[in-house]
Amino acid sequence: MEAMETGRQRDLEVGDVSDEEEEAQEEATTLALESVELRLLRSILGSSSRPKPKLSTYDGSSTAENLIDWIGELDKYFEYEEIDEEKKVKFVVTRLKGHATLWCESV
């Protein structure tokens, strides 16, 4: 009996892996692969097939010309994204900062 235990210890020292350890390694590998697949799937589902344009913010301190350009930029974005009329104002408020935010809150 002692000889079997000594033989088994020698086998483990050489690099053998017990059945339980092998199952645990397989399970860990499976979980890691599932995690990668889930992250990839979430990434794909969360992305759009078309690029999102970057929109600048408006702080109220620019010239009238800059304001007109910014409004034009918003109009192009709304057309591209097919934004409904009732959602446009809500969206624009998110692009205001500084004095423009203060003005909007007072209106």
N, C-alpha and C. Protein backbone atom coordinates (compact mmCIF):
# COMPACT_ATOMS: atom_id res chain seq x y z
N MET A 1 0.83 -1.18 0.00
CA MET A 1 0.00 0.00 0.00
C MET A 1 0.88 1.25 0.00
N GLU A 2 1.90 1.21 0.87
CA GLU A 2 2.80 2.34 0.96
C GLU A 2 3.55 2.53 -0.37
N ALA A 3 3.85 1.44 -1.02
CA ALA A 3 4.53 1.51 -2.31
C ALA A 3 3.66 2.19 -3.35
N MET A 4 2.31 1.93 -3.32
CA MET A 4 1.39 2.56 -4.27
C MET A 4 1.32 4.07 -4.04
N GLU A 5 1.24 4.46 -2.76
CA GLU A 5 1.19 5.88 -2.44
C GLU A 5 2.48 6.58 -2.87
N THR A 6 3.60 5.93 -2.63
CA THR A 6 4.89 6.50 -3.02
C THR A 6 4.96 6.61 -4.54
N GLY A 7 4.48 5.59 -5.24
CA GLY A 7 4.45 5.61 -6.71
C GLY A 7 3.57 6.72 -7.22
N ARG A 8 2.40 6.91 -6.57
CA ARG A 8 1.47 7.97 -6.99
C ARG A 8 2.08 9.34 -6.74
N GLN A 9 2.76 9.49 -5.59
CA GLN A 9 3.41 10.77 -5.30
C GLN A 9 4.49 11.05 -6.34
N ARG A 10 5.21 10.04 -6.72
CA ARG A 10 6.25 10.20 -7.73
C ARG A 10 5.62 10.63 -9.05
N ASP A 11 4.47 9.99 -9.42
CA ASP A 11 3.80 10.35 -10.67
C ASP A 11 3.35 11.81 -10.64
N LEU A 12 2.80 12.26 -9.51
CA LEU A 12 2.33 13.64 -9.41
C LEU A 12 3.50 14.61 -9.48
N GLU A 13 4.62 14.21 -8.91
CA GLU A 13 5.78 15.08 -8.96
C GLU A 13 6.29 15.23 -10.38
N VAL A 14 6.14 14.20 -11.20
CA VAL A 14 6.61 14.24 -12.58
C VAL A 14 5.72 15.15 -13.41
N GLY A 15 4.46 15.36 -13.00
CA GLY A 15 3.60 16.25 -13.75
C GLY A 15 2.24 15.65 -14.07
N ASP A 16 1.97 14.45 -13.58
CA ASP A 16 0.65 13.87 -13.79
C ASP A 16 -0.39 14.72 -13.09
N VAL A 17 -1.57 14.71 -13.63
CA VAL A 17 -2.67 15.47 -13.06
C VAL A 17 -3.77 14.47 -12.72
N SER A 18 -4.34 14.61 -11.53
CA SER A 18 -5.41 13.71 -11.14
C SER A 18 -6.67 14.01 -11.96
N ASP A 19 -7.60 13.07 -11.95
CA ASP A 19 -8.85 13.24 -12.70
C ASP A 19 -9.62 14.48 -12.23
N GLU A 20 -9.63 14.71 -10.92
CA GLU A 20 -10.34 15.87 -10.39
C GLU A 20 -9.70 17.17 -10.87
N GLU A 21 -8.36 17.19 -10.85
CA GLU A 21 -7.66 18.39 -11.30
C GLU A 21 -7.89 18.62 -12.79
N GLU A 22 -7.91 17.55 -13.56
CA GLU A 22 -8.13 17.66 -14.99
C GLU A 22 -9.54 18.20 -15.27
N GLU A 23 -10.53 17.70 -14.54
CA GLU A 23 -11.91 18.18 -14.70
C GLU A 23 -12.02 19.66 -14.31
N ALA A 24 -11.33 20.03 -13.25
CA ALA A 24 -11.36 21.43 -12.80
C ALA A 24 -10.72 22.35 -13.85
N GLN A 25 -9.62 21.88 -14.46
CA GLN A 25 -8.97 22.67 -15.51
C GLN A 25 -9.89 22.81 -16.73
N GLU A 26 -10.56 21.73 -17.12
CA GLU A 26 -11.47 21.77 -18.26
C GLU A 26 -12.64 22.73 -17.98
N GLU A 27 -13.17 22.67 -16.76
CA GLU A 27 -14.27 23.56 -16.39
C GLU A 27 -13.84 25.02 -16.41
N ALA A 28 -12.65 25.29 -15.91
CA ALA A 28 -12.13 26.66 -15.91
C ALA A 28 -11.93 27.17 -17.33
N THR A 29 -11.43 26.30 -18.21
CA THR A 29 -11.23 26.67 -19.61
C THR A 29 -12.57 26.96 -20.28
N THR A 30 -13.57 26.12 -20.02
CA THR A 30 -14.90 26.31 -20.59
C THR A 30 -15.50 27.63 -20.12
N LEU A 31 -15.38 27.94 -18.83
CA LEU A 31 -15.91 29.19 -18.30
C LEU A 31 -15.20 30.39 -18.91
N ALA A 32 -13.90 30.29 -19.10
CA ALA A 32 -13.14 31.39 -19.70
C ALA A 32 -13.58 31.63 -21.13
N LEU A 33 -13.77 30.56 -21.89
CA LEU A 33 -14.23 30.69 -23.28
C LEU A 33 -15.63 31.28 -23.33
N GLU A 34 -16.53 30.84 -22.45
CA GLU A 34 -17.89 31.38 -22.42
C GLU A 34 -17.85 32.87 -22.09
N SER A 35 -16.96 33.26 -21.18
CA SER A 35 -16.84 34.66 -20.81
C SER A 35 -16.39 35.49 -22.00
N VAL A 36 -15.43 35.01 -22.76
CA VAL A 36 -14.95 35.72 -23.95
C VAL A 36 -16.07 35.81 -24.97
N GLU A 37 -16.80 34.73 -25.18
CA GLU A 37 -17.89 34.73 -26.14
C GLU A 37 -18.99 35.70 -25.73
N LEU A 38 -19.33 35.74 -24.44
CA LEU A 38 -20.35 36.65 -23.97
C LEU A 38 -19.93 38.11 -24.13
N ARG A 39 -18.68 38.41 -23.82
CA ARG A 39 -18.19 39.78 -23.99
C ARG A 39 -18.22 40.19 -25.46
N LEU A 40 -17.83 39.29 -26.34
CA LEU A 40 -17.85 39.57 -27.78
C LEU A 40 -19.27 39.79 -28.26
N LEU A 41 -20.19 38.94 -27.83
CA LEU A 41 -21.59 39.07 -28.22
C LEU A 41 -22.17 40.39 -27.72
N ARG A 42 -21.89 40.75 -26.47
CA ARG A 42 -22.37 42.03 -25.94
C ARG A 42 -21.81 43.20 -26.73
N SER A 43 -20.55 43.10 -27.11
CA SER A 43 -19.92 44.16 -27.87
C SER A 43 -20.57 44.32 -29.24
N ILE A 44 -20.83 43.20 -29.89
CA ILE A 44 -21.46 43.23 -31.21
C ILE A 44 -22.87 43.78 -31.13
N LEU A 45 -23.64 43.32 -30.14
CA LEU A 45 -25.01 43.78 -30.01
C LEU A 45 -25.08 45.25 -29.62
N GLY A 46 -24.10 45.73 -28.87
CA GLY A 46 -24.10 47.11 -28.42
C GLY A 46 -23.60 48.09 -29.47
N SER A 47 -22.97 47.59 -30.50
CA SER A 47 -22.43 48.49 -31.52
C SER A 47 -23.40 48.61 -32.69
N SER A 48 -23.21 49.63 -33.44
CA SER A 48 -24.02 49.87 -34.61
C SER A 48 -23.17 49.61 -35.85
N SER A 49 -23.83 49.27 -36.93
CA SER A 49 -23.07 48.99 -38.14
C SER A 49 -22.61 50.28 -38.81
N ARG A 50 -23.16 51.41 -38.40
CA ARG A 50 -22.72 52.67 -38.99
C ARG A 50 -22.05 53.53 -37.93
N PRO A 51 -21.11 54.34 -38.36
CA PRO A 51 -20.37 55.16 -37.39
C PRO A 51 -21.23 56.26 -36.79
N LYS A 52 -20.94 56.62 -35.56
CA LYS A 52 -21.63 57.71 -34.88
C LYS A 52 -20.82 58.99 -35.04
N PRO A 53 -21.43 60.04 -35.56
CA PRO A 53 -20.68 61.29 -35.66
C PRO A 53 -20.44 61.91 -34.29
N LYS A 54 -19.34 62.59 -34.15
CA LYS A 54 -19.02 63.30 -32.91
C LYS A 54 -19.72 64.65 -32.94
N LEU A 55 -20.37 65.00 -31.84
CA LEU A 55 -21.05 66.28 -31.75
C LEU A 55 -20.39 67.15 -30.70
N SER A 56 -20.16 68.38 -31.05
CA SER A 56 -19.56 69.31 -30.09
C SER A 56 -20.63 69.82 -29.13
N THR A 57 -20.17 70.44 -28.07
CA THR A 57 -21.08 71.03 -27.10
C THR A 57 -21.17 72.53 -27.38
N TYR A 58 -22.15 73.17 -26.76
CA TYR A 58 -22.30 74.61 -26.89
C TYR A 58 -22.36 75.20 -25.50
N ASP A 59 -21.50 76.21 -25.24
CA ASP A 59 -21.45 76.79 -23.90
C ASP A 59 -22.03 78.19 -23.81
N GLY A 60 -22.51 78.72 -24.91
CA GLY A 60 -23.15 80.03 -24.90
C GLY A 60 -22.21 81.19 -25.09
N SER A 61 -20.93 80.97 -25.15
CA SER A 61 -19.98 82.07 -25.27
C SER A 61 -19.45 82.28 -26.68
N SER A 62 -19.88 81.49 -27.62
CA SER A 62 -19.39 81.60 -28.99
C SER A 62 -20.11 82.72 -29.74
N THR A 63 -19.60 83.00 -30.91
CA THR A 63 -20.22 84.01 -31.77
C THR A 63 -21.50 83.45 -32.38
N ALA A 64 -22.29 84.35 -32.95
CA ALA A 64 -23.54 83.94 -33.61
C ALA A 64 -23.24 82.97 -34.75
N GLU A 65 -22.15 83.20 -35.44
CA GLU A 65 -21.76 82.33 -36.56
C GLU A 65 -21.48 80.91 -36.06
N ASN A 66 -20.77 80.80 -34.92
CA ASN A 66 -20.49 79.47 -34.34
C ASN A 66 -21.79 78.79 -33.89
N LEU A 67 -22.70 79.56 -33.35
CA LEU A 67 -23.99 78.99 -32.93
C LEU A 67 -24.75 78.45 -34.14
N ILE A 68 -24.76 79.19 -35.23
CA ILE A 68 -25.45 78.74 -36.45
C ILE A 68 -24.79 77.46 -36.98
N ASP A 69 -23.46 77.42 -36.96
CA ASP A 69 -22.75 76.22 -37.40
C ASP A 69 -23.10 75.02 -36.51
N TRP A 70 -23.17 75.25 -35.19
CA TRP A 70 -23.50 74.18 -34.26
C TRP A 70 -24.92 73.66 -34.50
N ILE A 71 -25.86 74.57 -34.74
CA ILE A 71 -27.24 74.16 -35.03
C ILE A 71 -27.29 73.35 -36.32
N GLY A 72 -26.52 73.77 -37.32
CA GLY A 72 -26.44 73.01 -38.57
C GLY A 72 -25.88 71.61 -38.35
N GLU A 73 -24.87 71.52 -37.48
CA GLU A 73 -24.28 70.22 -37.13
C GLU A 73 -25.34 69.32 -36.48
N LEU A 74 -26.14 69.90 -35.59
CA LEU A 74 -27.21 69.14 -34.94
C LEU A 74 -28.25 68.67 -35.96
N ASP A 75 -28.63 69.56 -36.88
CA ASP A 75 -29.62 69.19 -37.90
C ASP A 75 -29.14 68.01 -38.74
N LYS A 76 -27.87 68.02 -39.12
CA LYS A 76 -27.30 66.90 -39.89
C LYS A 76 -27.34 65.61 -39.07
N TYR A 77 -27.00 65.73 -37.80
CA TYR A 77 -27.02 64.56 -36.92
C TYR A 77 -28.44 64.00 -36.79
N PHE A 78 -29.41 64.87 -36.58
CA PHE A 78 -30.79 64.43 -36.43
C PHE A 78 -31.29 63.73 -37.70
N GLU A 79 -30.89 64.25 -38.84
CA GLU A 79 -31.28 63.62 -40.10
C GLU A 79 -30.62 62.25 -40.25
N TYR A 80 -29.34 62.18 -39.94
CA TYR A 80 -28.58 60.93 -40.05
C TYR A 80 -29.14 59.86 -39.13
N GLU A 81 -29.45 60.23 -37.90
CA GLU A 81 -29.95 59.28 -36.90
C GLU A 81 -31.47 59.12 -36.93
N GLU A 82 -32.15 59.91 -37.76
CA GLU A 82 -33.61 59.87 -37.86
C GLU A 82 -34.26 60.05 -36.48
N ILE A 83 -33.88 61.13 -35.80
CA ILE A 83 -34.37 61.44 -34.47
C ILE A 83 -35.76 62.07 -34.58
N ASP A 84 -36.69 61.60 -33.76
CA ASP A 84 -38.04 62.17 -33.73
C ASP A 84 -38.01 63.59 -33.18
N GLU A 85 -38.96 64.40 -33.63
CA GLU A 85 -39.04 65.81 -33.21
C GLU A 85 -39.08 65.96 -31.70
N GLU A 86 -39.89 65.14 -31.02
CA GLU A 86 -40.05 65.30 -29.56
C GLU A 86 -38.78 64.93 -28.79
N LYS A 87 -37.86 64.21 -29.41
CA LYS A 87 -36.62 63.83 -28.74
C LYS A 87 -35.47 64.80 -29.01
N LYS A 88 -35.62 65.66 -29.98
CA LYS A 88 -34.54 66.57 -30.35
C LYS A 88 -34.16 67.52 -29.22
N VAL A 89 -35.14 68.15 -28.60
CA VAL A 89 -34.85 69.11 -27.54
C VAL A 89 -34.17 68.41 -26.36
N LYS A 90 -34.68 67.23 -26.00
CA LYS A 90 -34.07 66.48 -24.90
C LYS A 90 -32.61 66.18 -25.21
N PHE A 91 -32.32 65.84 -26.45
CA PHE A 91 -30.95 65.53 -26.83
C PHE A 91 -30.08 66.79 -26.80
N VAL A 92 -30.58 67.89 -27.35
CA VAL A 92 -29.79 69.12 -27.41
C VAL A 92 -29.40 69.57 -26.01
N VAL A 93 -30.29 69.41 -25.04
CA VAL A 93 -29.97 69.81 -23.67
C VAL A 93 -28.75 69.07 -23.15
N THR A 94 -28.54 67.85 -23.60
CA THR A 94 -27.36 67.09 -23.17
C THR A 94 -26.07 67.62 -23.77
N ARG A 95 -26.17 68.42 -24.83
CA ARG A 95 -24.99 68.96 -25.50
C ARG A 95 -24.68 70.39 -25.07
N LEU A 96 -25.45 70.92 -24.12
CA LEU A 96 -25.20 72.27 -23.60
C LEU A 96 -24.29 72.20 -22.38
N LYS A 97 -23.54 73.27 -22.18
CA LYS A 97 -22.70 73.36 -20.97
C LYS A 97 -22.52 74.83 -20.63
N GLY A 98 -22.04 75.08 -19.44
CA GLY A 98 -21.74 76.45 -19.00
C GLY A 98 -22.96 77.35 -19.00
N HIS A 99 -22.79 78.55 -19.59
CA HIS A 99 -23.85 79.56 -19.62
C HIS A 99 -25.08 79.06 -20.35
N ALA A 100 -24.89 78.25 -21.38
CA ALA A 100 -26.03 77.74 -22.15
C ALA A 100 -26.89 76.83 -21.28
N THR A 101 -26.29 76.04 -20.42
CA THR A 101 -27.05 75.18 -19.50
C THR A 101 -27.84 76.04 -18.52
N LEU A 102 -27.21 77.05 -17.97
CA LEU A 102 -27.90 77.96 -17.05
C LEU A 102 -29.09 78.63 -17.72
N TRP A 103 -28.89 79.10 -18.95
CA TRP A 103 -29.98 79.73 -19.67
C TRP A 103 -31.13 78.75 -19.89
N CYS A 104 -30.80 77.52 -20.31
CA CYS A 104 -31.82 76.51 -20.60
C CYS A 104 -32.62 76.18 -19.35
N GLU A 105 -31.96 76.08 -18.21
CA GLU A 105 -32.65 75.76 -16.96
C GLU A 105 -33.57 76.89 -16.51
N SER A 106 -33.24 78.11 -16.91
CA SER A 106 -34.09 79.24 -16.50
C SER A 106 -35.30 79.41 -17.41
N VAL A 107 -35.28 78.81 -18.58
CA VAL A 107 -36.40 78.95 -19.54
C VAL A 107 -37.53 78.01 -19.20
